[in-house]
Amino acid sequence: VGRDPPRAIMRRPGRIFGDQNPPDVLNWTY
């Protein structure tokens, strides 16, 4: 992320968004 268009144009780093239900306690997102 943050590669197209390049950061010089975006003027911010790329971001990763997501949604989920509350996870199991063994899940990596927890």
All heavy atoms as atom14 arrays in JSON, in Angstrom:
{
  "sequence": "VGRDPPRAIMRRPGRIFGDQNPPDVLNWTY",
  "atom14_mask": [
    [1, 1, 1, 1, 1, 1, 1, 0, 0, 0, 0, 0, 0, 0],
    [1, 1, 1, 1, 0, 0, 0, 0, 0, 0, 0, 0, 0, 0],
    [1, 1, 1, 1, 1, 1, 1, 1, 1, 1, 1, 0, 0, 0],
    [1, 1, 1, 1, 1, 1, 1, 1, 0, 0, 0, 0, 0, 0],
    [1, 1, 1, 1, 1, 1, 1, 0, 0, 0, 0, 0, 0, 0],
    [1, 1, 1, 1, 1, 1, 1, 0, 0, 0, 0, 0, 0, 0],
    [1, 1, 1, 1, 1, 1, 1, 1, 1, 1, 1, 0, 0, 0],
    [1, 1, 1, 1, 1, 0, 0, 0, 0, 0, 0, 0, 0, 0],
    [1, 1, 1, 1, 1, 1, 1, 1, 0, 0, 0, 0, 0, 0],
    [1, 1, 1, 1, 1, 1, 1, 1, 0, 0, 0, 0, 0, 0],
    [1, 1, 1, 1, 1, 1, 1, 1, 1, 1, 1, 0, 0, 0],
    [1, 1, 1, 1, 1, 1, 1, 1, 1, 1, 1, 0, 0, 0],
    [1, 1, 1, 1, 1, 1, 1, 0, 0, 0, 0, 0, 0, 0],
    [1, 1, 1, 1, 0, 0, 0, 0, 0, 0, 0, 0, 0, 0],
    [1, 1, 1, 1, 1, 1, 1, 1, 1, 1, 1, 0, 0, 0],
    [1, 1, 1, 1, 1, 1, 1, 1, 0, 0, 0, 0, 0, 0],
    [1, 1, 1, 1, 1, 1, 1, 1, 1, 1, 1, 0, 0, 0],
    [1, 1, 1, 1, 0, 0, 0, 0, 0, 0, 0, 0, 0, 0],
    [1, 1, 1, 1, 1, 1, 1, 1, 0, 0, 0, 0, 0, 0],
    [1, 1, 1, 1, 1, 1, 1, 1, 1, 0, 0, 0, 0, 0],
    [1, 1, 1, 1, 1, 1, 1, 1, 0, 0, 0, 0, 0, 0],
    [1, 1, 1, 1, 1, 1, 1, 0, 0, 0, 0, 0, 0, 0],
    [1, 1, 1, 1, 1, 1, 1, 0, 0, 0, 0, 0, 0, 0],
    [1, 1, 1, 1, 1, 1, 1, 1, 0, 0, 0, 0, 0, 0],
    [1, 1, 1, 1, 1, 1, 1, 0, 0, 0, 0, 0, 0, 0],
    [1, 1, 1, 1, 1, 1, 1, 1, 0, 0, 0, 0, 0, 0],
    [1, 1, 1, 1, 1, 1, 1, 1, 0, 0, 0, 0, 0, 0],
    [1, 1, 1, 1, 1, 1, 1, 1, 1, 1, 1, 1, 1, 1],
    [1, 1, 1, 1, 1, 1, 1, 0, 0, 0, 0, 0, 0, 0],
    [1, 1, 1, 1, 1, 1, 1, 1, 1, 1, 1, 1, 0, 0]
  ],
  "atom14_positions": [
    [[0.84, -1.2, 0.0], [0.0, 0.0, 0.0], [0.88, 1.25, 0.0], [2.06, 1.21, 0.34], [-0.94, 0.01, 1.22], [-1.91, -1.16, 1.17], [-0.16, -0.01, 2.53], [0.0, 0.0, 0.0], [0.0, 0.0, 0.0], [0.0, 0.0, 0.0], [0.0, 0.0, 0.0], [0.0, 0.0, 0.0], [0.0, 0.0, 0.0], [0.0, 0.0, 0.0]],
    [[0.26, 2.36, -0.41], [1.0, 3.62, -0.49], [1.96, 3.69, -1.65], [2.91, 4.49, -1.64], [0.0, 0.0, 0.0], [0.0, 0.0, 0.0], [0.0, 0.0, 0.0], [0.0, 0.0, 0.0], [0.0, 0.0, 0.0], [0.0, 0.0, 0.0], [0.0, 0.0, 0.0], [0.0, 0.0, 0.0], [0.0, 0.0, 0.0], [0.0, 0.0, 0.0]],
    [[1.73, 2.91, -2.7], [2.67, 2.82, -3.82], [2.11, 3.37, -5.13], [2.86, 3.74, -6.02], [3.09, 1.35, -4.01], [3.81, 0.76, -2.81], [4.02, -0.73, -2.98], [4.96, -1.03, -4.04], [6.24, -1.34, -3.86], [6.74, -1.37, -2.63], [7.03, -1.62, -4.88], [0.0, 0.0, 0.0], [0.0, 0.0, 0.0], [0.0, 0.0, 0.0]],
    [[0.78, 3.4, -5.28], [0.19, 3.86, -6.54], [-1.1, 4.63, -6.25], [-2.1, 4.03, -5.84], [-0.11, 2.67, -7.46], [-0.64, 3.11, -8.81], [-0.37, 4.27, -9.18], [-1.29, 2.29, -9.49], [0.0, 0.0, 0.0], [0.0, 0.0, 0.0], [0.0, 0.0, 0.0], [0.0, 0.0, 0.0], [0.0, 0.0, 0.0], [0.0, 0.0, 0.0]],
    [[-1.12, 5.94, -6.4], [0.0, 6.79, -6.82], [1.07, 6.87, -5.73], [0.79, 6.55, -4.57], [-0.66, 8.15, -7.07], [-1.85, 8.15, -6.18], [-2.35, 6.74, -6.17], [0.0, 0.0, 0.0], [0.0, 0.0, 0.0], [0.0, 0.0, 0.0], [0.0, 0.0, 0.0], [0.0, 0.0, 0.0], [0.0, 0.0, 0.0], [0.0, 0.0, 0.0]],
    [[2.26, 7.31, -6.07], [3.34, 7.35, -5.08], [3.04, 8.32, -3.95], [2.18, 9.21, -4.06], [4.55, 7.79, -5.91], [3.98, 8.47, -7.1], [2.7, 7.77, -7.4], [0.0, 0.0, 0.0], [0.0, 0.0, 0.0], [0.0, 0.0, 0.0], [0.0, 0.0, 0.0], [0.0, 0.0, 0.0], [0.0, 0.0, 0.0], [0.0, 0.0, 0.0]],
    [[3.79, 8.18, -2.88], [3.53, 8.98, -1.68], [3.72, 10.48, -1.94], [3.09, 11.3, -1.29], [4.44, 8.51, -0.55], [4.13, 9.16, 0.79], [4.8, 8.44, 1.91], [4.5, 9.04, 3.2], [4.89, 8.54, 4.35], [5.59, 7.41, 4.38], [4.6, 9.15, 5.49], [0.0, 0.0, 0.0], [0.0, 0.0, 0.0], [0.0, 0.0, 0.0]],
    [[4.58, 10.83, -2.9], [4.79, 12.24, -3.22], [3.5, 12.9, -3.68], [3.29, 14.09, -3.48], [5.87, 12.38, -4.28], [0.0, 0.0, 0.0], [0.0, 0.0, 0.0], [0.0, 0.0, 0.0], [0.0, 0.0, 0.0], [0.0, 0.0, 0.0], [0.0, 0.0, 0.0], [0.0, 0.0, 0.0], [0.0, 0.0, 0.0], [0.0, 0.0, 0.0]],
    [[2.64, 12.11, -4.31], [1.35, 12.64, -4.77], [0.29, 12.49, -3.68], [-0.5, 13.39, -3.43], [0.92, 11.92, -6.06], [1.93, 12.2, -7.19], [-0.49, 12.32, -6.47], [1.63, 11.49, -8.47], [0.0, 0.0, 0.0], [0.0, 0.0, 0.0], [0.0, 0.0, 0.0], [0.0, 0.0, 0.0], [0.0, 0.0, 0.0], [0.0, 0.0, 0.0]],
    [[0.28, 11.31, -3.02], [-0.74, 11.07, -1.99], [-0.51, 11.95, -0.75], [-1.46, 12.32, -0.06], [-0.72, 9.6, -1.57], [-1.2, 8.63, -2.63], [-1.12, 6.93, -2.04], [-2.26, 6.98, -0.68], [0.0, 0.0, 0.0], [0.0, 0.0, 0.0], [0.0, 0.0, 0.0], [0.0, 0.0, 0.0], [0.0, 0.0, 0.0], [0.0, 0.0, 0.0]],
    [[0.76, 12.2, -0.45], [1.14, 12.99, 0.72], [0.7, 12.35, 2.03], [0.41, 13.03, 3.01], [0.6, 14.41, 0.61], [1.15, 15.19, -0.58], [0.66, 16.61, -0.58], [1.19, 17.32, -1.76], [0.93, 18.61, -2.03], [0.16, 19.31, -1.2], [1.43, 19.18, -3.11], [0.0, 0.0, 0.0], [0.0, 0.0, 0.0], [0.0, 0.0, 0.0]],
    [[0.63, 11.06, 2.03], [0.34, 10.29, 3.24], [0.73, 8.83, 2.98], [0.81, 8.39, 1.84], [-1.13, 10.36, 3.61], [-2.08, 9.69, 2.62], [-3.46, 9.5, 3.24], [-4.44, 8.95, 2.33], [-4.56, 7.65, 2.06], [-3.73, 6.77, 2.61], [-5.49, 7.22, 1.22], [0.0, 0.0, 0.0], [0.0, 0.0, 0.0], [0.0, 0.0, 0.0]],
    [[0.99, 8.07, 4.03], [1.28, 6.65, 3.83], [0.02, 5.88, 3.45], [-1.1, 6.35, 3.67], [1.81, 6.2, 5.19], [1.17, 7.14, 6.17], [1.08, 8.46, 5.45], [0.0, 0.0, 0.0], [0.0, 0.0, 0.0], [0.0, 0.0, 0.0], [0.0, 0.0, 0.0], [0.0, 0.0, 0.0], [0.0, 0.0, 0.0], [0.0, 0.0, 0.0]],
    [[0.2, 4.72, 2.87], [-0.95, 3.86, 2.58], [-1.53, 3.29, 3.86], [-0.85, 3.2, 4.89], [0.0, 0.0, 0.0], [0.0, 0.0, 0.0], [0.0, 0.0, 0.0], [0.0, 0.0, 0.0], [0.0, 0.0, 0.0], [0.0, 0.0, 0.0], [0.0, 0.0, 0.0], [0.0, 0.0, 0.0], [0.0, 0.0, 0.0], [0.0, 0.0, 0.0]],
    [[-2.78, 2.9, 3.79], [-3.45, 2.37, 4.97], [-4.18, 1.07, 4.64], [-4.57, 0.84, 3.5], [-4.46, 3.4, 5.51], [-3.81, 4.69, 6.02], [-4.83, 5.56, 6.73], [-4.2, 6.75, 7.3], [-4.21, 7.95, 6.72], [-4.82, 8.1, 5.55], [-3.63, 8.98, 7.28], [0.0, 0.0, 0.0], [0.0, 0.0, 0.0], [0.0, 0.0, 0.0]],
    [[-4.34, 0.26, 5.66], [-5.11, -0.99, 5.54], [-6.3, -0.88, 6.47], [-6.15, -0.65, 7.67], [-4.26, -2.21, 5.9], [-3.03, -2.29, 4.98], [-5.09, -3.49, 5.8], [-2.08, -3.43, 5.34], [0.0, 0.0, 0.0], [0.0, 0.0, 0.0], [0.0, 0.0, 0.0], [0.0, 0.0, 0.0], [0.0, 0.0, 0.0], [0.0, 0.0, 0.0]],
    [[-7.49, -1.01, 5.92], [-8.73, -0.97, 6.69], [-9.33, -2.38, 6.74], [-8.94, -3.25, 5.97], [-9.74, -0.02, 6.04], [-9.22, 1.39, 5.87], [-8.53, 1.76, 4.72], [-9.43, 2.34, 6.85], [-8.06, 3.05, 4.54], [-8.96, 3.64, 6.69], [-8.27, 4.0, 5.53], [0.0, 0.0, 0.0], [0.0, 0.0, 0.0], [0.0, 0.0, 0.0]],
    [[-10.27, -2.58, 7.61], [-10.93, -3.88, 7.67], [-12.13, -3.85, 8.57], [-12.33, -2.91, 9.35], [0.0, 0.0, 0.0], [0.0, 0.0, 0.0], [0.0, 0.0, 0.0], [0.0, 0.0, 0.0], [0.0, 0.0, 0.0], [0.0, 0.0, 0.0], [0.0, 0.0, 0.0], [0.0, 0.0, 0.0], [0.0, 0.0, 0.0], [0.0, 0.0, 0.0]],
    [[-12.96, -4.86, 8.46], [-14.11, -5.02, 9.36], [-14.15, -6.46, 9.83], [-13.57, -7.36, 9.2], [-15.42, -4.66, 8.64], [-15.71, -5.56, 7.46], [-16.0, -6.75, 7.67], [-15.62, -5.08, 6.31], [0.0, 0.0, 0.0], [0.0, 0.0, 0.0], [0.0, 0.0, 0.0], [0.0, 0.0, 0.0], [0.0, 0.0, 0.0], [0.0, 0.0, 0.0]],
    [[-14.8, -6.7, 10.94], [-14.91, -8.05, 11.47], [-15.9, -8.09, 12.61], [-16.22, -7.05, 13.21], [-13.56, -8.55, 11.98], [-13.04, -7.74, 13.18], [-11.73, -8.27, 13.72], [-10.7, -7.63, 13.6], [-11.78, -9.44, 14.33], [0.0, 0.0, 0.0], [0.0, 0.0, 0.0], [0.0, 0.0, 0.0], [0.0, 0.0, 0.0], [0.0, 0.0, 0.0]],
    [[-16.39, -9.29, 12.9], [-17.12, -9.52, 14.12], [-16.11, -9.69, 15.25], [-14.92, -9.91, 14.99], [-17.98, -10.78, 14.0], [-19.17, -10.57, 13.08], [-19.9, -9.6, 13.22], [-19.37, -11.47, 12.12], [0.0, 0.0, 0.0], [0.0, 0.0, 0.0], [0.0, 0.0, 0.0], [0.0, 0.0, 0.0], [0.0, 0.0, 0.0], [0.0, 0.0, 0.0]],
    [[-16.54, -9.6, 16.5], [-15.59, -9.83, 17.6], [-14.92, -11.18, 17.43], [-15.59, -12.2, 17.21], [-16.48, -9.79, 18.85], [-17.63, -8.93, 18.45], [-17.87, -9.25, 17.0], [0.0, 0.0, 0.0], [0.0, 0.0, 0.0], [0.0, 0.0, 0.0], [0.0, 0.0, 0.0], [0.0, 0.0, 0.0], [0.0, 0.0, 0.0], [0.0, 0.0, 0.0]],
    [[-13.6, -11.23, 17.52], [-12.89, -12.47, 17.19], [-12.82, -13.45, 18.34], [-13.08, -13.14, 19.5], [-11.49, -11.96, 16.84], [-11.32, -10.78, 17.75], [-12.68, -10.13, 17.82], [0.0, 0.0, 0.0], [0.0, 0.0, 0.0], [0.0, 0.0, 0.0], [0.0, 0.0, 0.0], [0.0, 0.0, 0.0], [0.0, 0.0, 0.0], [0.0, 0.0, 0.0]],
    [[-12.43, -14.64, 18.0], [-12.04, -15.67, 18.96], [-10.71, -15.24, 19.59], [-9.89, -14.59, 18.95], [-11.89, -17.0, 18.21], [-11.53, -18.14, 19.12], [-10.35, -18.23, 19.49], [-12.4, -18.95, 19.44], [0.0, 0.0, 0.0], [0.0, 0.0, 0.0], [0.0, 0.0, 0.0], [0.0, 0.0, 0.0], [0.0, 0.0, 0.0], [0.0, 0.0, 0.0]],
    [[-10.48, -15.62, 20.84], [-9.27, -15.16, 21.53], [-8.0, -15.76, 20.97], [-6.9, -15.29, 21.3], [-9.35, -15.45, 23.05], [-10.49, -14.68, 23.68], [-9.47, -16.94, 23.31], [0.0, 0.0, 0.0], [0.0, 0.0, 0.0], [0.0, 0.0, 0.0], [0.0, 0.0, 0.0], [0.0, 0.0, 0.0], [0.0, 0.0, 0.0], [0.0, 0.0, 0.0]],
    [[-8.1, -16.78, 20.14], [-6.91, -17.35, 19.53], [-6.6, -16.72, 18.18], [-5.57, -17.02, 17.57], [-7.07, -18.87, 19.36], [-7.25, -19.68, 20.64], [-7.32, -21.17, 20.32], [-6.13, -19.39, 21.62], [0.0, 0.0, 0.0], [0.0, 0.0, 0.0], [0.0, 0.0, 0.0], [0.0, 0.0, 0.0], [0.0, 0.0, 0.0], [0.0, 0.0, 0.0]],
    [[-7.49, -15.86, 17.72], [-7.3, -15.24, 16.42], [-6.21, -14.18, 16.49], [-6.07, -13.47, 17.49], [-8.61, -14.61, 15.95], [-8.58, -14.2, 14.5], [-8.16, -13.1, 14.16], [-9.02, -15.09, 13.62], [0.0, 0.0, 0.0], [0.0, 0.0, 0.0], [0.0, 0.0, 0.0], [0.0, 0.0, 0.0], [0.0, 0.0, 0.0], [0.0, 0.0, 0.0]],
    [[-5.45, -14.02, 15.41], [-4.35, -13.06, 15.41], [-4.83, -11.62, 15.56], [-4.12, -10.77, 16.09], [-3.51, -13.21, 14.15], [-4.23, -12.91, 12.85], [-4.98, -13.76, 12.1], [-4.24, -11.65, 12.17], [-5.48, -13.12, 11.0], [-5.02, -11.82, 11.0], [-3.67, -10.41, 12.41], [-5.25, -10.79, 10.09], [-3.89, -9.38, 11.51], [-4.67, -9.58, 10.36]],
    [[-6.05, -11.33, 15.13], [-6.56, -9.96, 15.29], [-6.84, -9.65, 16.76], [-6.71, -8.5, 17.19], [-7.83, -9.75, 14.46], [-8.87, -10.63, 14.92], [-7.57, -9.99, 12.99], [0.0, 0.0, 0.0], [0.0, 0.0, 0.0], [0.0, 0.0, 0.0], [0.0, 0.0, 0.0], [0.0, 0.0, 0.0], [0.0, 0.0, 0.0], [0.0, 0.0, 0.0]],
    [[-7.24, -10.64, 17.54], [-7.43, -10.42, 18.97], [-6.1, -10.09, 19.63], [-6.0, -9.17, 20.45], [-8.05, -11.66, 19.62], [-8.15, -11.57, 21.13], [-9.14, -10.8, 21.73], [-7.24, -12.22, 21.94], [-9.23, -10.69, 23.11], [-7.31, -12.12, 23.32], [-8.3, -11.36, 23.9], [-8.37, -11.25, 25.26], [0.0, 0.0, 0.0], [0.0, 0.0, 0.0]]
  ]
}
